[in-house]
N, C-alpha and C. Protein backbone atom coordinates (compact mmCIF):
# COMPACT_ATOMS: atom_id res chain seq x y z
N UNK A 1 0.97 -0.98 -0.14
CA UNK A 1 -0.23 -0.05 0.16
C UNK A 1 0.95 1.12 -0.11
N UNK A 2 0.53 2.13 -0.67
CA UNK A 2 1.36 3.14 -1.00
C UNK A 2 1.35 4.27 0.48
N UNK A 3 2.34 5.23 0.59
CA UNK A 3 2.20 5.97 1.66
C UNK A 3 1.33 6.98 1.24
N UNK A 4 0.88 7.72 2.36
CA UNK A 4 -0.33 8.62 2.65
C UNK A 4 0.20 9.92 2.21
N UNK A 5 -0.19 11.18 1.67
CA UNK A 5 0.25 12.36 1.30
C UNK A 5 -0.18 12.97 2.34
N UNK A 6 0.79 13.94 2.68
CA UNK A 6 0.74 14.85 3.51
C UNK A 6 0.17 16.29 2.92
N UNK A 7 -0.57 16.99 3.61
CA UNK A 7 -1.32 18.40 2.94
C UNK A 7 -0.40 19.19 3.28
N UNK A 8 0.46 19.54 2.60
CA UNK A 8 1.70 20.82 2.75
C UNK A 8 1.22 21.83 3.24
N UNK A 9 0.33 22.37 2.97
CA UNK A 9 -0.59 23.55 3.44
C UNK A 9 -0.90 23.42 4.98
N UNK A 10 -1.44 22.34 5.27
CA UNK A 10 -1.83 22.06 7.04
C UNK A 10 -0.52 21.97 7.23
N UNK A 11 0.61 21.10 7.25
CA UNK A 11 1.89 21.03 7.60
C UNK A 11 2.43 22.30 8.08
N UNK A 12 2.65 23.47 7.13
CA UNK A 12 3.16 24.43 7.23
C UNK A 12 2.20 25.36 8.62
N UNK A 13 0.99 25.35 8.48
CA UNK A 13 0.16 25.71 9.76
C UNK A 13 0.11 25.09 10.89
N UNK A 14 0.07 24.10 11.17
CA UNK A 14 -0.11 23.18 12.27
C UNK A 14 1.31 22.79 12.98
N UNK A 15 1.46 22.65 14.23
CA UNK A 15 2.15 21.78 14.70
C UNK A 15 1.73 20.70 15.78
N UNK A 16 2.04 19.72 15.82
CA UNK A 16 1.54 18.90 16.84
C UNK A 16 2.22 18.70 18.09
N UNK A 17 1.62 19.03 19.22
CA UNK A 17 2.36 18.71 20.60
C UNK A 17 2.36 17.36 21.08
N UNK A 18 3.22 17.07 22.07
CA UNK A 18 3.74 15.85 22.61
C UNK A 18 2.39 15.24 23.30
N UNK A 19 1.41 16.10 23.78
CA UNK A 19 0.08 15.48 24.35
C UNK A 19 -0.76 15.40 23.44
N UNK A 20 -0.52 15.35 22.10
CA UNK A 20 -1.77 15.43 20.94
C UNK A 20 -2.54 16.54 20.71
N UNK A 21 -2.25 17.68 21.06
CA UNK A 21 -3.20 18.90 20.88
C UNK A 21 -2.23 19.54 19.48
N UNK A 22 -3.13 20.31 19.09
CA UNK A 22 -2.43 20.87 17.62
C UNK A 22 -2.32 22.40 18.02
N UNK A 23 -1.28 22.80 17.93
CA UNK A 23 -0.72 24.37 17.76
C UNK A 23 -0.88 25.20 16.77
N UNK A 24 -1.47 26.43 16.63
CA UNK A 24 -1.36 27.12 15.30
C UNK A 24 -0.92 28.45 15.71
N UNK A 25 -0.44 29.03 14.79
CA UNK A 25 -0.06 30.52 15.49
C UNK A 25 -1.43 31.48 14.82
N UNK A 26 -1.71 32.53 15.69
CA UNK A 26 -2.91 33.26 15.28
C UNK A 26 -2.82 34.26 14.41
N UNK A 27 -4.16 34.49 13.58
CA UNK A 27 -3.76 35.68 12.41
C UNK A 27 -3.97 36.89 12.87
N UNK A 28 -3.70 37.99 12.27
CA UNK A 28 -4.13 39.18 12.30
C UNK A 28 -2.45 39.89 12.89
N UNK A 29 -1.50 39.55 12.62
CA UNK A 29 -0.20 39.96 13.30
C UNK A 29 0.83 40.22 11.78
N UNK A 30 0.48 40.55 10.54
CA UNK A 30 1.06 40.47 9.79
C UNK A 30 1.28 42.41 9.01
N UNK A 31 0.22 42.69 9.45
CA UNK A 31 -0.13 44.30 8.57
C UNK A 31 -1.06 44.94 9.04
N UNK A 32 -1.21 46.27 8.95
CA UNK A 32 -2.10 47.29 9.47
C UNK A 32 -2.08 46.87 11.22
N UNK A 33 -0.77 47.14 11.54
CA UNK A 33 -0.62 47.20 13.00
C UNK A 33 -0.78 48.13 13.62
N UNK A 34 -0.60 49.53 13.29
CA UNK A 34 -0.93 50.65 13.92
C UNK A 34 -2.43 50.93 14.71
N UNK A 35 -3.32 50.44 14.38
CA UNK A 35 -4.67 50.39 14.99
C UNK A 35 -4.76 49.60 15.84
N UNK A 36 -4.09 48.65 15.72
CA UNK A 36 -4.36 47.47 16.79
C UNK A 36 -3.68 47.78 18.37
N UNK A 37 -4.40 47.67 19.18
CA UNK A 37 -3.40 48.25 20.66
C UNK A 37 -2.59 47.01 20.77
N UNK A 38 -1.43 47.67 21.57
CA UNK A 38 -0.56 47.03 21.91
C UNK A 38 -0.94 45.28 23.14
N UNK A 39 -1.75 45.53 23.73
CA UNK A 39 -2.23 44.61 24.34
C UNK A 39 -2.94 43.44 23.42
N UNK A 40 -3.55 43.89 22.44
CA UNK A 40 -4.00 42.68 21.30
C UNK A 40 -2.99 42.24 20.58
N UNK A 41 -1.74 43.04 20.35
CA UNK A 41 -0.79 42.55 19.17
C UNK A 41 0.11 41.62 20.53
N UNK A 42 0.01 41.90 21.59
CA UNK A 42 0.59 40.80 22.58
C UNK A 42 0.03 39.57 22.63
N UNK A 43 -1.35 39.72 22.76
CA UNK A 43 -1.97 38.39 22.59
C UNK A 43 -1.99 37.45 21.48
N UNK A 44 -1.59 38.41 20.66
CA UNK A 44 -1.48 37.59 19.40
C UNK A 44 -0.42 36.86 18.99
N UNK A 45 0.57 37.12 19.63
CA UNK A 45 1.99 36.68 19.48
C UNK A 45 1.77 34.97 20.04
N UNK A 46 1.17 34.64 21.02
CA UNK A 46 1.02 33.55 21.68
C UNK A 46 0.17 32.40 21.13
N UNK A 47 0.47 31.49 21.11
CA UNK A 47 0.48 29.91 20.31
C UNK A 47 -1.19 29.86 20.65
N UNK A 48 -1.90 29.46 19.82
CA UNK A 48 -3.27 28.76 20.28
C UNK A 48 -3.50 27.17 19.83
N UNK A 49 -4.70 26.76 20.57
CA UNK A 49 -4.50 25.45 20.14
C UNK A 49 -5.99 25.34 19.81
N UNK A 50 -6.02 24.26 18.73
CA UNK A 50 -7.25 23.86 17.97
C UNK A 50 -8.53 23.32 18.88
N UNK A 51 -9.41 23.37 18.75
CA UNK A 51 -10.24 22.25 19.35
C UNK A 51 -10.50 21.08 18.81
N UNK A 52 -11.03 20.31 20.16
CA UNK A 52 -10.88 18.79 19.59
C UNK A 52 -11.26 17.94 18.22
N UNK A 53 -12.60 18.95 17.83
CA UNK A 53 -13.37 18.96 16.65
C UNK A 53 -12.55 18.98 15.76
N UNK A 54 -11.67 20.30 15.63
CA UNK A 54 -11.18 20.72 14.45
C UNK A 54 -9.74 20.03 14.76
N UNK A 55 -9.16 19.65 15.70
CA UNK A 55 -8.15 18.85 15.53
C UNK A 55 -7.97 17.76 15.13
N UNK A 56 -9.10 16.80 15.19
CA UNK A 56 -9.18 15.55 14.50
C UNK A 56 -9.07 16.06 12.97
N UNK A 57 -9.68 16.71 12.64
CA UNK A 57 -9.43 17.34 11.02
C UNK A 57 -7.96 17.61 10.64
N UNK A 58 -7.41 18.34 11.49
CA UNK A 58 -6.05 18.85 11.00
C UNK A 58 -5.07 17.47 11.03
N UNK A 59 -5.30 16.31 12.00
CA UNK A 59 -4.59 15.38 12.39
C UNK A 59 -4.71 14.05 10.74
N UNK A 60 -5.86 14.43 10.03
CA UNK A 60 -6.13 13.68 9.23
C UNK A 60 -5.31 14.32 7.71
N UNK A 61 -5.08 15.21 8.26
CA UNK A 61 -4.32 16.25 7.22
C UNK A 61 -2.70 16.03 7.27
N UNK A 62 -2.70 15.95 8.28
CA UNK A 62 -1.22 15.35 8.41
C UNK A 62 -0.81 14.14 8.92
N UNK A 63 -1.09 13.12 8.36
CA UNK A 63 -0.98 11.70 9.02
C UNK A 63 0.06 11.30 9.59
N UNK A 64 1.42 11.80 9.45
CA UNK A 64 2.94 11.30 9.97
C UNK A 64 3.05 12.36 11.14
N UNK A 65 2.27 13.42 11.26
CA UNK A 65 2.94 14.24 12.58
C UNK A 65 2.77 13.92 13.44
């Protein structure tokens, strides 16, 4: 049986933790930063975790992660 292909777009967006959670970088920190508050930008720097329902979908896209 052939190997399953990894969806490269998903592999670049998500990282799997040792505990099985799916980590991702929050959106909104690329441009138009002057109108965003410092507190908001600081919160966007932190990594976030997908919900269990979304993480099961992300794991199917990255079978070997």
